[in-house]
Amino acid sequence: MDLDPIVRLSRRFGADPDYVLAGGGNTSQKDGDTIAVKASGVQLGTIDAAGFVHLSLSKLKAVFTIELPSNSDEREKVVLEHMLAARLPGQTGRPSVETLLHALFPFRFVVHLHPALINGMLCAQKALDAAQTLFEGEAAVLPYITPGYTLADAVRTIFETRRQSGKSPYTILFLQNHGVFVAADSAEEIQARYDSIFATLRAKVRALPQEPGVHDSLSSVEKATIEKIRTAVEEATSKFNVTFFFTLNSVVGHFLASSGTFLPLAAPFTPDHIVYAGAWPLFVSQSQAQDPASLQEQIDAYRALHGELPKILAVQGVGIFGLGKDRAAAERACLLFTDAAKIAWYAGAFGGAHPMESADIEFIRNWEVEKYRASIASRR
């Protein structure tokens, strides 16, 4: 199979931060009974042909005909084994966990992404109503469903219902607190559908706040405060062998005014935010952030509650510190948390923010698939 078309398509979206951040999203191309799907952990912006895993479509779809364990962990383990067994000879990569979803679309190309603009609708209180109203007839819309086989089977059911109704197959699939799948037989159609979705949503949301050259506009007192907080953060986190990365921008700053304004960002919106920015940020006041002992006390309380370090330390009225094993991980945490802030901002047009439910957060935190993806990200 010539993978040049899907490589070009993947890089086009992967290089645009309005569409892709970190390792988010996956793509596929079909030819006869073969599907080439992005391997788990591979970056879309730099992917080449070696970044795809070739599998048998018929073997993948056969997963829906076998009896599976009722226990979710055991079920996902069996499904993964069948997915790996569906790889063509010589293929060694691990296919995306969403491979089954790609296989269900009867189109040559599928591009699955998590853009902030789209998730501003999908992570909102009125997500389902908004998506059905704005894209009536052309898109399938599902509430949040546990990723993996459970989600794939639900999608298979609605696709089959659509087929039996005699209507043309869905080309767009919106998933609450997750993202969107767009399918077509040409790269041009994929781009056109994404352009149309973006245009429709931009007409509904408020534009993001403008950046006024934040660092340049800071007073000497504000700069001194930030430096004092940097020193305190370094001292408080030094014993954990982590580094930090500081971010200050207008959209994040909008939510840092008080503990009340920060509430929309107190829990994650999507699995990607959990993987890269942690399930819950730690919000502290400026006075707590400037005192290493007080900051240490807040971090210790967080660890006692959640069993891990925060990946985001949010300081009231100042900015956010990403914490990670290295600078890349810390910067990635800030990047994804800024993405969450954009989602919360856009969600205002659809009834306000709607984060993931507690049970769904815990599933993602403990899911082997996401632990694998996080481990791949940590190597970059």
Protein backbone atom coordinates (compact mmCIF):
# COMPACT_ATOMS: atom_id res chain seq x y z
CA MET A 1 0.00 0.00 0.00
CA ASP A 2 1.29 3.44 -0.95
CA LEU A 3 1.10 5.43 2.30
CA ASP A 4 2.21 8.78 0.88
CA PRO A 5 -1.39 10.14 0.93
CA ILE A 6 -1.99 9.40 4.63
CA VAL A 7 1.54 10.49 5.60
CA ARG A 8 0.98 13.87 3.95
CA LEU A 9 -2.48 14.19 5.47
CA SER A 10 -1.22 13.26 8.93
CA ARG A 11 1.67 15.72 8.79
CA ARG A 12 -0.59 18.49 7.54
CA PHE A 13 -2.83 18.26 10.59
CA GLY A 14 -0.07 17.20 12.97
CA ALA A 15 1.96 20.34 12.25
CA ASP A 16 -0.96 22.64 13.10
CA PRO A 17 -1.43 23.26 16.86
CA ASP A 18 -5.06 24.25 16.25
CA TYR A 19 -5.61 20.57 15.47
CA VAL A 20 -2.93 18.52 17.24
CA LEU A 21 -0.95 18.83 20.47
CA ALA A 22 1.59 16.33 21.86
CA GLY A 23 0.66 12.82 20.71
CA GLY A 24 -3.05 13.49 20.32
CA GLY A 25 -5.02 11.96 17.46
CA ASN A 26 -4.58 9.17 14.96
CA THR A 27 -5.10 8.49 11.26
CA SER A 28 -5.65 5.57 8.92
CA GLN A 29 -5.81 4.52 5.28
CA LYS A 30 -7.56 1.47 3.79
CA ASP A 31 -6.89 -0.57 0.67
CA GLY A 32 -8.99 -3.68 0.11
CA ASP A 33 -8.79 -5.84 3.23
CA THR A 34 -5.80 -3.92 4.62
CA ILE A 35 -5.88 -0.94 6.96
CA ALA A 36 -2.80 1.05 7.94
CA VAL A 37 -3.29 2.76 11.32
CA LYS A 38 -0.98 5.12 13.19
CA ALA A 39 1.03 3.24 15.78
CA SER A 40 0.44 4.20 19.40
CA GLY A 41 2.75 6.95 20.62
CA VAL A 42 3.88 8.12 17.15
CA GLN A 43 3.71 11.87 16.46
CA LEU A 44 1.42 12.89 13.60
CA GLY A 45 3.50 15.94 12.73
CA THR A 46 6.61 13.92 11.88
CA ILE A 47 5.15 10.52 11.00
CA ASP A 48 6.43 8.52 8.04
CA ALA A 49 5.36 5.19 6.54
CA ALA A 50 7.12 3.29 9.33
CA GLY A 51 4.80 4.96 11.83
CA PHE A 52 1.80 2.96 10.62
CA VAL A 53 0.77 -0.59 11.48
CA HIS A 54 -0.79 -2.75 8.73
CA LEU A 55 -3.67 -4.98 9.77
CA SER A 56 -6.35 -7.20 8.26
CA LEU A 57 -9.72 -5.46 8.24
CA SER A 58 -11.67 -8.70 8.26
CA LYS A 59 -9.74 -9.99 11.27
CA LEU A 60 -10.32 -6.73 13.12
CA LYS A 61 -14.06 -6.80 12.49
CA ALA A 62 -14.19 -10.43 13.63
CA VAL A 63 -13.50 -9.14 17.15
CA PHE A 64 -17.16 -8.09 17.29
CA THR A 65 -18.28 -11.70 16.78
CA ILE A 66 -16.35 -13.37 19.59
CA GLU A 67 -17.45 -13.86 23.18
CA LEU A 68 -15.56 -11.51 25.46
CA PRO A 69 -15.06 -11.43 29.24
CA SER A 70 -17.47 -9.28 31.23
CA ASN A 71 -14.62 -7.81 33.30
CA SER A 72 -13.41 -4.64 31.55
CA ASP A 73 -9.70 -5.22 32.18
CA GLU A 74 -9.85 -8.79 30.92
CA ARG A 75 -11.99 -7.75 27.96
CA GLU A 76 -9.55 -5.07 26.85
CA LYS A 77 -6.66 -7.51 27.24
CA VAL A 78 -8.37 -10.05 24.97
CA VAL A 79 -9.28 -7.37 22.42
CA LEU A 80 -5.68 -6.13 22.34
CA GLU A 81 -4.48 -9.69 21.73
CA HIS A 82 -6.87 -10.02 18.79
CA MET A 83 -5.80 -6.65 17.40
CA LEU A 84 -2.16 -7.67 17.57
CA ALA A 85 -3.02 -10.98 15.92
CA ALA A 86 -4.70 -9.05 13.09
CA ARG A 87 -1.39 -7.45 12.12
CA LEU A 88 -0.01 -8.51 8.77
CA PRO A 89 3.20 -10.59 8.66
CA GLY A 90 6.27 -8.58 9.61
CA GLN A 91 4.32 -5.86 11.46
CA THR A 92 5.59 -5.28 14.99
CA GLY A 93 4.12 -1.90 16.02
CA ARG A 94 1.27 -1.51 18.47
CA PRO A 95 -1.78 -0.11 16.67
CA SER A 96 -3.74 2.78 18.13
CA VAL A 97 -6.33 1.78 20.72
CA GLU A 98 -8.90 3.35 18.39
CA THR A 99 -8.07 1.02 15.50
CA LEU A 100 -11.47 -0.68 15.70
CA LEU A 101 -13.20 2.68 15.25
CA HIS A 102 -11.12 3.39 12.15
CA ALA A 103 -12.02 -0.04 10.78
CA LEU A 104 -15.76 0.66 11.09
CA PHE A 105 -15.78 3.64 8.71
CA PRO A 106 -16.40 2.50 5.08
CA PHE A 107 -14.07 5.16 3.72
CA ARG A 108 -10.46 5.20 2.56
CA PHE A 109 -9.19 7.82 5.03
CA VAL A 110 -10.04 8.52 8.66
CA VAL A 111 -8.55 11.39 10.71
CA HIS A 112 -9.30 11.45 14.42
CA LEU A 113 -8.29 14.60 16.32
CA HIS A 114 -8.99 16.53 19.56
CA PRO A 115 -8.96 20.23 18.56
CA ALA A 116 -9.72 22.70 21.35
CA LEU A 117 -12.34 24.46 19.22
CA ILE A 118 -14.27 21.22 18.66
CA ASN A 119 -13.81 20.02 22.21
CA GLY A 120 -15.10 23.37 23.41
CA MET A 121 -18.45 22.06 22.19
CA LEU A 122 -17.90 18.41 23.13
CA CYS A 123 -16.73 19.20 26.69
CA ALA A 124 -19.65 21.51 27.42
CA GLN A 125 -22.87 21.07 29.36
CA LYS A 126 -24.93 21.23 26.15
CA ALA A 127 -22.49 19.18 24.06
CA LEU A 128 -24.91 16.59 22.71
CA ASP A 129 -27.71 19.01 21.87
CA ALA A 130 -25.29 21.47 20.25
CA ALA A 131 -23.58 18.85 18.09
CA GLN A 132 -26.88 17.35 16.96
CA THR A 133 -28.35 20.75 16.17
CA LEU A 134 -25.35 22.23 14.37
CA PHE A 135 -24.47 19.09 12.38
CA GLU A 136 -27.86 17.42 12.03
CA GLY A 137 -27.92 14.54 9.56
CA GLU A 138 -24.23 14.52 8.72
CA ALA A 139 -22.71 13.48 12.05
CA ALA A 140 -23.18 10.78 14.65
CA VAL A 141 -23.04 12.12 18.20
CA LEU A 142 -22.34 9.94 21.23
CA PRO A 143 -22.18 10.71 24.95
CA TYR A 144 -18.96 9.81 26.75
CA ILE A 145 -18.33 6.07 26.57
CA THR A 146 -15.35 4.23 28.01
CA PRO A 147 -12.64 4.11 25.31
CA GLY A 148 -11.62 0.78 23.83
CA TYR A 149 -13.97 -2.04 22.90
CA THR A 150 -17.00 -0.60 24.71
CA LEU A 151 -16.87 2.56 22.62
CA ALA A 152 -16.14 0.69 19.39
CA ASP A 153 -19.11 -1.62 19.91
CA ALA A 154 -21.42 1.34 20.54
CA VAL A 155 -20.22 3.00 17.33
CA ARG A 156 -20.67 -0.27 15.41
CA THR A 157 -24.29 -0.36 16.58
CA ILE A 158 -25.17 3.17 15.44
CA PHE A 159 -23.36 2.67 12.13
CA GLU A 160 -25.35 -0.52 11.52
CA THR A 161 -28.60 1.24 12.39
CA ARG A 162 -27.70 3.96 9.90
CA ARG A 163 -26.95 1.36 7.22
CA GLN A 164 -30.24 -0.44 7.79
CA SER A 165 -32.11 2.85 7.44
CA GLY A 166 -30.83 3.15 3.88
CA LYS A 167 -29.01 6.43 4.55
CA SER A 168 -25.44 7.16 3.48
CA PRO A 169 -22.73 6.33 6.06
CA TYR A 170 -21.75 8.91 8.63
CA THR A 171 -18.62 10.85 7.71
CA ILE A 172 -18.32 12.62 11.08
CA LEU A 173 -18.40 11.12 14.56
CA PHE A 174 -18.47 13.42 17.60
CA LEU A 175 -17.56 11.87 20.96
CA GLN A 176 -18.34 13.76 24.17
CA ASN A 177 -15.25 14.62 26.26
CA HIS A 178 -13.06 13.04 23.61
CA GLY A 179 -12.87 14.42 20.08
CA VAL A 180 -13.98 13.92 16.49
CA PHE A 181 -13.50 11.38 13.69
CA VAL A 182 -13.75 12.58 10.10
CA ALA A 183 -13.82 10.09 7.21
CA ALA A 184 -13.71 10.42 3.42
CA ASP A 185 -12.32 8.83 0.30
CA SER A 186 -9.95 11.71 -0.46
CA ALA A 187 -7.61 13.95 1.50
CA GLU A 188 -9.33 17.00 0.04
CA GLU A 189 -12.69 15.90 1.45
CA ILE A 190 -11.15 15.36 4.88
CA GLN A 191 -9.74 18.89 4.88
CA ALA A 192 -13.01 20.36 3.59
CA ARG A 193 -15.03 18.69 6.34
CA TYR A 194 -12.68 19.91 9.06
CA ASP A 195 -12.79 23.41 7.56
CA SER A 196 -16.59 23.31 7.61
CA ILE A 197 -16.71 22.13 11.24
CA PHE A 198 -14.29 24.87 12.30
CA ALA A 199 -16.23 27.57 10.42
CA THR A 200 -19.51 26.48 12.01
CA LEU A 201 -18.06 26.54 15.53
CA ARG A 202 -16.12 29.79 15.13
CA ALA A 203 -19.41 31.49 14.34
CA LYS A 204 -20.77 30.33 17.72
CA VAL A 205 -17.90 30.92 20.18
CA ARG A 206 -16.14 33.98 21.56
CA ALA A 207 -12.67 34.52 20.14
CA LEU A 208 -9.84 33.74 22.54
CA PRO A 209 -8.49 36.72 24.52
CA GLN A 210 -5.70 38.54 22.75
CA GLU A 211 -2.14 38.23 24.02
CA PRO A 212 -0.94 41.74 24.99
CA GLY A 213 2.72 40.78 25.12
CA VAL A 214 2.21 39.54 28.67
CA HIS A 215 5.83 39.29 29.76
CA ASP A 216 6.71 42.68 28.29
CA SER A 217 3.81 44.35 30.09
CA LEU A 218 4.70 43.03 33.56
CA SER A 219 5.77 45.55 36.16
CA SER A 220 9.04 45.16 38.04
CA VAL A 221 7.04 44.15 41.13
CA GLU A 222 5.18 41.44 39.18
CA LYS A 223 8.43 40.14 37.69
CA ALA A 224 9.99 40.02 41.14
CA THR A 225 6.98 38.07 42.45
CA ILE A 226 7.27 35.51 39.66
CA GLU A 227 10.98 35.06 40.36
CA LYS A 228 10.29 34.57 44.05
CA ILE A 229 7.68 31.94 43.21
CA ARG A 230 10.07 30.23 40.79
CA THR A 231 12.61 29.95 43.60
CA ALA A 232 10.00 28.55 45.98
CA VAL A 233 8.77 26.02 43.41
CA GLU A 234 12.33 24.88 42.74
CA GLU A 235 13.00 24.44 46.46
CA ALA A 236 9.70 22.68 47.18
CA THR A 237 10.00 20.22 44.27
CA SER A 238 13.75 19.55 44.36
CA LYS A 239 13.40 16.44 46.52
CA PHE A 240 11.07 14.84 43.95
CA ASN A 241 13.66 14.94 41.16
CA VAL A 242 11.38 16.86 38.79
CA THR A 243 11.85 19.99 36.75
CA PHE A 244 9.35 22.71 35.97
CA PHE A 245 8.27 24.95 33.10
CA PHE A 246 6.44 28.26 33.61
CA THR A 247 3.64 29.48 31.34
CA LEU A 248 1.77 32.78 31.39
CA ASN A 249 -0.85 33.59 28.76
CA SER A 250 -4.16 35.40 28.59
CA VAL A 251 -6.52 32.44 28.31
CA VAL A 252 -4.98 30.65 31.29
CA GLY A 253 -4.76 33.94 33.18
CA HIS A 254 -8.50 34.44 32.73
CA PHE A 255 -9.16 31.38 34.92
CA LEU A 256 -6.49 32.18 37.53
CA ALA A 257 -8.16 35.25 39.00
CA SER A 258 -9.59 33.29 41.94
CA SER A 259 -10.39 29.80 43.15
CA GLY A 260 -13.92 30.38 41.86
CA THR A 261 -12.91 31.32 38.32
CA PHE A 262 -10.53 28.34 38.33
CA LEU A 263 -13.29 25.77 38.93
CA PRO A 264 -13.87 24.97 35.21
CA LEU A 265 -10.25 23.71 35.08
CA ALA A 266 -10.30 21.75 38.34
CA ALA A 267 -10.91 18.41 36.58
CA PRO A 268 -9.82 17.05 33.18
CA PHE A 269 -11.83 17.33 30.00
CA THR A 270 -10.43 14.40 27.99
CA PRO A 271 -8.11 11.39 28.35
CA ASP A 272 -5.30 13.38 26.68
CA HIS A 273 -5.39 15.95 29.45
CA ILE A 274 -5.04 13.20 32.05
CA VAL A 275 -2.10 11.59 30.25
CA TYR A 276 -0.08 14.76 29.69
CA ALA A 277 -1.26 17.32 32.28
CA GLY A 278 -2.54 15.07 35.06
CA ALA A 279 -6.05 14.46 36.29
CA TRP A 280 -6.15 17.40 38.69
CA PRO A 281 -4.11 20.63 38.90
CA LEU A 282 -3.00 22.04 42.24
CA PHE A 283 -4.29 25.61 42.69
CA VAL A 284 -2.48 27.79 45.26
CA SER A 285 -2.55 31.45 46.27
CA GLN A 286 0.37 33.79 45.60
CA SER A 287 1.27 33.85 49.29
CA GLN A 288 1.35 30.04 49.44
CA ALA A 289 3.42 29.90 46.25
CA GLN A 290 6.04 32.34 47.56
CA ASP A 291 6.69 30.40 50.77
CA PRO A 292 8.58 27.11 50.14
CA ALA A 293 7.31 25.58 53.40
CA SER A 294 3.69 26.47 52.65
CA LEU A 295 4.04 25.27 49.07
CA GLN A 296 5.59 22.02 50.29
CA GLU A 297 2.62 21.56 52.62
CA GLN A 298 0.18 21.99 49.71
CA ILE A 299 2.09 19.51 47.54
CA ASP A 300 2.26 16.95 50.37
CA ALA A 301 -1.50 17.25 50.92
CA TYR A 302 -2.07 16.74 47.18
CA ARG A 303 0.14 13.63 47.18
CA ALA A 304 -1.68 12.23 50.20
CA LEU A 305 -5.01 12.71 48.44
CA HIS A 306 -4.10 11.55 44.91
CA GLY A 307 -1.07 9.32 45.37
CA GLU A 308 1.07 11.27 42.93
CA LEU A 309 2.66 14.66 42.28
CA PRO A 310 0.62 17.28 40.46
CA LYS A 311 1.69 17.87 36.87
CA ILE A 312 0.25 21.39 36.98
CA LEU A 313 0.81 23.91 39.75
CA ALA A 314 -1.55 26.85 39.14
CA VAL A 315 -0.73 30.07 41.01
CA GLN A 316 -3.55 32.54 41.52
CA GLY A 317 -3.12 35.62 39.34
CA VAL A 318 0.36 34.57 38.18
CA GLY A 319 0.56 31.58 35.83
CA ILE A 320 1.08 27.82 35.73
CA PHE A 321 4.09 25.63 36.42
CA GLY A 322 4.26 22.31 34.61
CA LEU A 323 6.07 19.64 36.62
CA GLY A 324 7.75 16.70 34.92
CA LYS A 325 10.72 14.37 34.90
CA ASP A 326 12.36 16.66 32.34
CA ARG A 327 11.75 20.00 30.64
CA ALA A 328 9.91 18.40 27.71
CA ALA A 329 7.38 16.70 30.00
CA ALA A 330 6.90 19.88 32.05
CA GLU A 331 6.38 21.98 28.93
CA ARG A 332 3.98 19.39 27.52
CA ALA A 333 1.90 19.59 30.71
CA CYS A 334 1.60 23.37 30.29
CA LEU A 335 0.70 22.97 26.63
CA LEU A 336 -2.15 20.58 27.39
CA PHE A 337 -3.37 22.64 30.33
CA THR A 338 -3.49 25.71 28.09
CA ASP A 339 -5.52 23.58 25.69
CA ALA A 340 -7.91 22.81 28.56
CA ALA A 341 -8.24 26.53 29.26
CA LYS A 342 -9.17 27.13 25.61
CA ILE A 343 -11.77 24.37 25.82
CA ALA A 344 -13.26 25.90 28.97
CA TRP A 345 -13.35 29.29 27.25
CA TYR A 346 -15.13 27.94 24.16
CA ALA A 347 -17.49 25.83 26.30
CA GLY A 348 -19.03 29.07 27.54
CA ALA A 349 -20.95 29.22 24.27
CA PHE A 350 -22.54 25.83 24.99
CA GLY A 351 -23.68 26.08 28.59
CA GLY A 352 -20.31 26.02 30.34
CA ALA A 353 -17.62 23.44 30.97
CA HIS A 354 -18.39 19.74 31.49
CA PRO A 355 -15.33 17.79 32.73
CA MET A 356 -15.05 14.01 32.78
CA GLU A 357 -16.85 12.11 35.54
CA SER A 358 -14.85 10.74 38.48
CA ALA A 359 -15.29 7.08 37.53
CA ASP A 360 -14.15 7.78 33.96
CA ILE A 361 -11.11 9.68 35.23
CA GLU A 362 -10.09 6.75 37.41
CA PHE A 363 -10.52 4.32 34.51
CA ILE A 364 -8.16 6.35 32.31
CA ARG A 365 -5.63 6.81 35.14
CA ASN A 366 -5.41 3.04 35.59
CA TRP A 367 -5.89 1.87 32.00
CA GLU A 368 -2.92 -0.05 30.64
CA VAL A 369 -3.36 1.57 27.22
CA GLU A 370 -2.90 5.08 28.57
CA LYS A 371 -0.01 4.04 30.80
CA TYR A 372 1.66 2.67 27.67
CA ARG A 373 1.00 5.91 25.78
CA ALA A 374 2.37 7.97 28.68
CA SER A 375 5.50 5.82 28.77
CA ILE A 376 6.07 6.40 25.05
CA ALA A 377 5.63 10.15 25.54
CA SER A 378 8.17 10.14 28.38
CA ARG A 379 10.86 8.82 26.03
CA ARG A 380 10.57 11.79 23.69
